[in-house]
Protein backbone atom coordinates (compact mmCIF):
# COMPACT_ATOMS: atom_id res chain seq x y z
CA UNK A 1 71.84 53.76 -72.40
CA UNK A 2 75.48 53.16 -73.27
CA UNK A 3 77.33 55.91 -75.11
CA UNK A 4 79.72 54.42 -77.69
CA UNK A 5 82.89 56.40 -78.53
CA UNK A 6 85.10 55.30 -81.41
CA UNK A 7 88.03 57.56 -80.55
CA UNK A 8 89.30 59.61 -77.65
CA UNK A 9 88.18 62.90 -79.20
CA UNK A 10 84.53 61.82 -79.10
CA UNK A 11 84.73 60.88 -75.39
CA UNK A 12 83.51 63.46 -72.88
CA UNK A 13 85.43 64.76 -69.91
CA UNK A 14 84.98 62.85 -66.65
CA UNK A 15 85.25 65.46 -63.90
CA UNK A 16 83.70 63.05 -61.40
CA UNK A 17 86.15 60.32 -62.45
CA UNK A 18 85.60 56.86 -63.88
CA UNK A 19 85.81 53.20 -62.99
CA UNK A 20 87.04 51.24 -65.99
CA UNK A 21 87.94 47.85 -67.38
CA UNK A 22 90.07 47.11 -70.44
CA UNK A 23 90.11 44.07 -72.67
CA UNK A 24 89.31 42.43 -75.98
CA UNK A 25 86.06 40.94 -74.61
CA UNK A 26 85.70 38.56 -77.55
CA UNK A 27 82.37 36.77 -77.14
CA UNK A 28 81.33 38.92 -74.16
CA UNK A 29 81.08 35.74 -72.09
CA UNK A 30 80.03 35.31 -68.46
CA UNK A 31 83.52 36.05 -67.18
CA UNK A 32 83.56 39.36 -69.04
CA UNK A 33 80.12 40.21 -67.75
CA UNK A 34 81.19 39.52 -64.16
CA UNK A 35 84.01 42.06 -64.52
CA UNK A 36 81.74 44.65 -66.12
CA UNK A 37 79.06 44.12 -63.47
CA UNK A 38 81.64 44.92 -60.79
CA UNK A 39 82.78 48.02 -62.69
CA UNK A 40 79.18 49.26 -62.85
CA UNK A 41 78.56 48.59 -59.16
CA UNK A 42 81.77 50.31 -58.08
CA UNK A 43 81.14 53.28 -60.37
CA UNK A 44 77.66 53.70 -58.90
CA UNK A 45 79.05 53.50 -55.37
CA UNK A 46 81.74 56.09 -56.17
CA UNK A 47 79.42 58.42 -58.09
CA UNK A 48 81.60 57.92 -61.18
CA UNK A 49 81.02 56.90 -64.79
CA UNK A 50 81.53 53.25 -65.71
CA UNK A 51 83.71 52.78 -68.80
CA UNK A 52 84.66 49.74 -70.87
CA UNK A 53 87.73 50.17 -73.08
CA UNK A 54 88.08 47.69 -75.93
CA UNK A 55 89.53 47.46 -79.44
CA UNK A 56 88.08 47.32 -82.93
CA UNK A 57 90.01 44.11 -83.56
CA UNK A 58 91.99 41.58 -81.57
CA UNK A 59 95.57 42.92 -81.34
CA UNK A 60 96.83 39.66 -82.84
CA UNK A 61 94.82 40.35 -86.01
CA UNK A 62 97.00 43.41 -86.51
CA UNK A 63 100.32 42.14 -85.17
CA UNK A 64 100.32 38.55 -86.44
CA UNK A 65 97.22 37.92 -88.57
CA UNK A 66 98.36 34.44 -89.62
CA UNK A 67 98.24 33.32 -85.98
CA UNK A 68 95.32 35.36 -84.69
CA UNK A 69 92.57 33.37 -82.93
CA UNK A 70 89.20 33.02 -84.58
CA UNK A 71 86.50 35.38 -83.34
CA UNK A 72 83.62 34.32 -81.14
CA UNK A 73 81.63 37.19 -82.59
CA UNK A 74 82.06 39.89 -85.21
CA UNK A 75 83.29 43.31 -83.97
CA UNK A 76 79.92 44.96 -84.51
CA UNK A 77 78.21 42.16 -82.57
CA UNK A 78 80.70 42.58 -79.72
CA UNK A 79 79.86 46.28 -79.52
CA UNK A 80 76.15 45.46 -79.53
CA UNK A 81 76.55 42.91 -76.71
CA UNK A 82 78.72 45.22 -74.60
CA UNK A 83 76.22 48.04 -75.08
CA UNK A 84 73.48 45.88 -73.55
CA UNK A 85 75.23 45.47 -70.18
CA UNK A 86 74.39 48.87 -68.69
CA UNK A 87 77.83 50.47 -68.78
CA UNK A 88 77.83 54.26 -69.17
CA UNK A 89 80.51 54.51 -71.84
CA UNK A 90 82.09 52.09 -74.29
CA UNK A 91 85.36 53.31 -75.80
CA UNK A 92 86.34 51.37 -78.94
CA UNK A 93 89.95 52.12 -79.86
CA UNK A 94 91.35 51.39 -83.30
CA UNK A 95 94.22 48.95 -82.84
CA UNK A 96 96.84 50.37 -85.20
CA UNK A 97 100.61 50.77 -85.29
CA UNK A 98 100.52 53.85 -83.07
CA UNK A 99 98.66 51.98 -80.35
CA UNK A 100 100.83 48.87 -80.79
CA UNK A 101 103.96 50.99 -80.28
CA UNK A 102 102.68 52.87 -77.25
CA UNK A 103 104.60 52.14 -74.07
CA UNK A 104 102.45 50.85 -71.18
CA UNK A 105 103.09 53.87 -68.96
CA UNK A 106 102.18 56.26 -71.77
CA UNK A 107 98.95 54.33 -72.38
CA UNK A 108 97.98 54.65 -68.73
CA UNK A 109 98.95 58.29 -68.35
CA UNK A 110 97.58 59.57 -71.67
CA UNK A 111 94.36 57.55 -71.88
CA UNK A 112 93.37 56.30 -68.45
CA UNK A 113 94.57 59.24 -66.36
CA UNK A 114 94.46 62.30 -68.62
CA UNK A 115 91.41 61.41 -70.70
CA UNK A 116 89.29 59.13 -68.52
CA UNK A 117 90.27 60.52 -65.10
CA UNK A 118 90.36 56.98 -63.79
CA UNK A 119 89.67 56.23 -60.12
CA UNK A 120 89.62 52.44 -60.29
CA UNK A 121 90.68 49.84 -62.88
CA UNK A 122 89.35 46.27 -62.83
CA UNK A 123 91.01 43.72 -65.14
CA UNK A 124 90.93 39.99 -65.75
CA UNK A 125 93.60 37.47 -64.90
CA UNK A 126 96.86 37.65 -66.91
CA UNK A 127 95.94 41.07 -68.23
CA UNK A 128 98.70 42.53 -70.42
CA UNK A 129 98.85 45.77 -72.39
CA UNK A 130 101.11 48.20 -74.21
CA UNK A 131 104.12 47.72 -76.46
CA UNK A 132 105.22 44.06 -76.57
CA UNK A 133 102.63 43.32 -73.87
CA UNK A 134 104.98 44.73 -71.24
CA UNK A 135 102.18 46.26 -69.18
CA UNK A 136 100.75 44.22 -66.30
CA UNK A 137 98.53 44.51 -63.24
CA UNK A 138 101.64 45.16 -61.15
CA UNK A 139 102.53 48.15 -63.32
CA UNK A 140 98.95 49.45 -63.08
CA UNK A 141 99.16 49.22 -59.29
CA UNK A 142 102.49 51.07 -59.24
CA UNK A 143 101.29 53.87 -61.52
CA UNK A 144 98.02 54.03 -59.59
CA UNK A 145 99.93 54.72 -56.37
CA UNK A 146 101.63 57.64 -58.14
CA UNK A 147 98.56 59.01 -59.91
CA UNK A 148 95.86 58.35 -57.33
CA UNK A 149 93.87 55.42 -58.71
CA UNK A 150 93.38 51.80 -57.63
CA UNK A 151 93.85 48.69 -59.77
CA UNK A 152 92.80 45.14 -59.04
CA UNK A 153 92.26 41.79 -60.70
CA UNK A 154 88.88 40.08 -60.92
CA UNK A 155 88.80 36.34 -60.31
CA UNK A 156 87.87 34.08 -63.22
CA UNK A 157 84.38 32.60 -63.34
CA UNK A 158 84.31 28.79 -63.37
CA UNK A 159 81.86 26.45 -65.08
CA UNK A 160 81.77 22.68 -64.51
CA UNK A 161 85.29 22.77 -63.11
CA UNK A 162 86.78 24.89 -65.90
CA UNK A 163 87.65 28.58 -65.86
CA UNK A 164 85.69 30.53 -68.45
CA UNK A 165 87.90 32.26 -71.00
CA UNK A 166 87.60 33.13 -74.67
CA UNK A 167 90.39 30.64 -75.42
CA UNK A 168 88.59 27.77 -73.69
CA UNK A 169 85.30 28.64 -75.39
CA UNK A 170 87.03 28.61 -78.79
CA UNK A 171 88.44 25.18 -77.98
CA UNK A 172 85.04 23.85 -76.90
CA UNK A 173 83.41 25.08 -80.12
CA UNK A 174 86.19 23.61 -82.27
CA UNK A 175 85.62 20.24 -80.60
CA UNK A 176 81.86 20.39 -81.11
CA UNK A 177 81.04 21.05 -77.45
CA UNK A 178 78.62 23.84 -78.27
CA UNK A 179 76.56 23.10 -75.15
CA UNK A 180 79.42 24.03 -72.78
CA UNK A 181 80.19 27.03 -74.99
CA UNK A 182 76.57 28.16 -74.72
CA UNK A 183 76.65 27.94 -70.94
CA UNK A 184 79.89 29.95 -70.84
CA UNK A 185 78.67 32.55 -73.32
CA UNK A 186 75.20 32.81 -71.84
CA UNK A 187 73.74 32.13 -75.32
CA UNK A 188 74.24 29.73 -78.21
CA UNK A 189 77.26 30.36 -80.39
CA UNK A 190 76.07 31.60 -83.77
CA UNK A 191 77.31 32.86 -87.11
CA UNK A 192 75.75 35.38 -89.47
CA UNK A 193 76.11 35.49 -93.25
CA UNK A 194 74.30 35.64 -96.55
CA UNK A 195 72.54 32.64 -98.06
CA UNK A 196 74.61 31.36 -100.99
CA UNK A 197 73.29 29.67 -104.10
CA UNK A 198 74.32 26.03 -104.00
CA UNK A 199 73.79 22.99 -106.19
CA UNK A 200 70.25 22.46 -104.85
CA UNK A 201 71.23 18.93 -103.88
CA UNK A 202 69.38 19.20 -100.58
CA UNK A 203 66.22 20.15 -102.43
CA UNK A 204 66.51 17.09 -104.66
CA UNK A 205 66.93 14.91 -101.56
CA UNK A 206 63.79 16.33 -99.97
CA UNK A 207 65.65 18.39 -97.37
CA UNK A 208 66.37 21.86 -98.82
CA UNK A 209 69.14 23.73 -97.06
CA UNK A 210 70.33 27.30 -96.78
CA UNK A 211 74.06 27.40 -97.42
CA UNK A 212 76.30 29.98 -95.79
CA UNK A 213 79.96 30.59 -96.54
CA UNK A 214 81.62 30.88 -93.12
CA UNK A 215 82.24 34.53 -92.23
CA UNK A 216 85.87 35.61 -92.13
CA UNK A 217 87.67 34.74 -88.88
CA UNK A 218 84.52 33.58 -87.05
CA UNK A 219 84.92 30.37 -85.04
CA UNK A 220 83.18 27.36 -86.57
CA UNK A 221 82.15 24.24 -84.70
CA UNK A 222 83.95 21.01 -85.53
CA UNK A 223 82.70 19.10 -88.55
CA UNK A 224 79.41 17.39 -87.89
CA UNK A 225 75.67 17.78 -87.59
CA UNK A 226 74.08 19.98 -84.94
CA UNK A 227 70.70 20.71 -83.45
CA UNK A 228 70.25 24.42 -83.73
CA UNK A 229 68.20 27.27 -85.06
CA UNK A 230 68.19 29.94 -87.72
CA UNK A 231 66.79 33.45 -87.87
CA UNK A 232 65.80 34.77 -91.28
CA UNK A 233 63.32 37.53 -92.14
CA UNK A 234 63.11 38.24 -88.39
CA UNK A 235 61.66 34.80 -87.65
CA UNK A 236 63.37 31.95 -85.80
CA UNK A 237 63.17 28.33 -86.97
CA UNK A 238 64.54 25.09 -85.51
CA UNK A 239 67.25 23.74 -87.79
CA UNK A 240 69.38 20.70 -88.53
CA UNK A 241 72.82 22.11 -89.35
CA UNK A 242 75.77 20.48 -91.10
CA UNK A 243 79.27 21.91 -90.83
CA UNK A 244 81.85 20.37 -93.14
CA UNK A 245 82.89 19.43 -96.65
CA UNK A 246 80.07 17.06 -97.71
CA UNK A 247 82.35 14.03 -98.27
CA UNK A 248 79.57 11.88 -99.77
CA UNK A 249 79.48 14.06 -102.88
CA UNK A 250 83.23 14.68 -103.41
CA UNK A 251 82.75 18.44 -103.53
CA UNK A 252 85.51 21.01 -104.00
CA UNK A 253 86.57 20.73 -100.37
CA UNK A 254 85.24 24.09 -99.22
CA UNK A 255 83.89 24.23 -95.69
CA UNK A 256 80.19 25.06 -95.73
CA UNK A 257 77.49 25.57 -93.15
CA UNK A 258 74.18 24.14 -94.35
CA UNK A 259 70.98 24.57 -92.39
CA UNK A 260 67.71 22.76 -93.01
CA UNK A 261 65.05 24.92 -91.41
CA UNK A 262 62.14 22.98 -89.96
CA UNK A 263 58.77 24.04 -91.43
CA UNK A 264 60.22 26.93 -93.45
CA UNK A 265 58.04 27.71 -96.46
CA UNK A 266 59.41 31.06 -97.54
CA UNK A 267 60.80 30.09 -100.95
CA UNK A 268 64.19 31.24 -102.26
CA UNK A 269 66.35 33.21 -99.83
CA UNK A 270 69.52 33.71 -101.88
CA UNK A 271 71.41 36.82 -100.85
CA UNK A 272 69.39 37.30 -97.66
CA UNK A 273 71.06 37.55 -94.26
CA UNK A 274 70.68 34.61 -91.91
CA UNK A 275 71.88 33.89 -88.38
CA UNK A 276 72.57 30.25 -87.57
CA UNK A 277 72.93 29.09 -83.97
CA UNK A 278 74.39 25.84 -82.65
CA UNK A 279 72.66 24.29 -79.63
CA UNK A 280 73.74 20.65 -79.46
CA UNK A 281 76.16 18.29 -81.20
CA UNK A 282 74.28 15.47 -82.89
CA UNK A 283 76.80 13.36 -84.82
CA UNK A 284 80.00 13.51 -86.82
CA UNK A 285 80.19 14.15 -90.54
CA UNK A 286 80.24 10.82 -92.37
CA UNK A 287 80.80 9.62 -95.91
CA UNK A 288 77.75 7.53 -96.80
CA UNK A 289 77.76 4.55 -99.15
CA UNK A 290 74.98 5.97 -101.31
CA UNK A 291 72.37 8.71 -101.49
CA UNK A 292 69.61 6.54 -100.01
CA UNK A 293 71.65 5.93 -96.87
CA UNK A 294 72.32 9.67 -96.60
CA UNK A 295 68.63 10.54 -97.00
CA UNK A 296 67.69 8.07 -94.26
CA UNK A 297 70.23 9.62 -91.90
CA UNK A 298 69.12 13.18 -92.67
CA UNK A 299 65.57 12.10 -91.89
CA UNK A 300 66.72 10.82 -88.51
CA UNK A 301 68.64 14.06 -87.91
CA UNK A 302 65.54 16.14 -88.61
CA UNK A 303 63.50 14.01 -86.22
CA UNK A 304 66.15 14.56 -83.54
CA UNK A 305 65.77 18.31 -84.03
CA UNK A 306 61.98 18.06 -83.74
CA UNK A 307 62.35 15.99 -80.59
CA UNK A 308 64.79 18.54 -79.10
CA UNK A 309 62.31 21.33 -79.81
CA UNK A 310 59.48 19.33 -78.21
CA UNK A 311 61.69 18.71 -75.15
CA UNK A 312 62.39 22.43 -74.87
CA UNK A 313 66.12 22.16 -75.66
């Protein structure tokens, strides 16, 4: 069981030493898991504790929030996913001004050496840390030679000719390639939110939907219709999902996620939490000539979802 520490004071001493990795780990994708797997194996071989050091938010959300990347998962979901990987300790540091201003050497000496008694550090490619991102693998190696620990870089994991990274996964999702994203993440990309009361237009068309306002900063797939699923009241349903602005009805322009759950008969769900997952891009978002044309297309979309379920997709 992973012990989660939200500050240095709540972390134990590590007299036997530790093998650690540091990073944002947004999405906890297959590349992240490869690094953490190596940390666990090396810690076991050394008789040390395995430790993952991460942050409560992406540093860019603190330093330049207007240019911060969207999140592949919410912070609490990231912690949950990291805790499932078998690491001994997960240290979640608050990224604040004090941490942003800390010089790289001070970060290593005060946290990695003094607190975590580090023996080995494993990081991903292009790893940077400390004030103005001045810290690098080369600096870790140099300090390690002085302080008695080793540092090395883990090779990136590739998928279909592309290196797996959070940046590439975000790009794939934005372009509607949720299938590649799912392979890289090891699971479908999903969002979680509360069901919002809408205009009940889907109900009047014969295809009631659950509408979700996109969670803050979470990555959304490109506009279009997707084969996917939804979990509500602890039960999973196949779903036809629309992401976009509903151009046929000239709405207020807000981006909405609307999911029609196949064979759901649970009545009103307003205010309830729902998770919506995206498995496969189906088509783009179109402006239809009239409601009848839209209804016909939605019917075809729903049949595509049923077919995907029958085919085991």
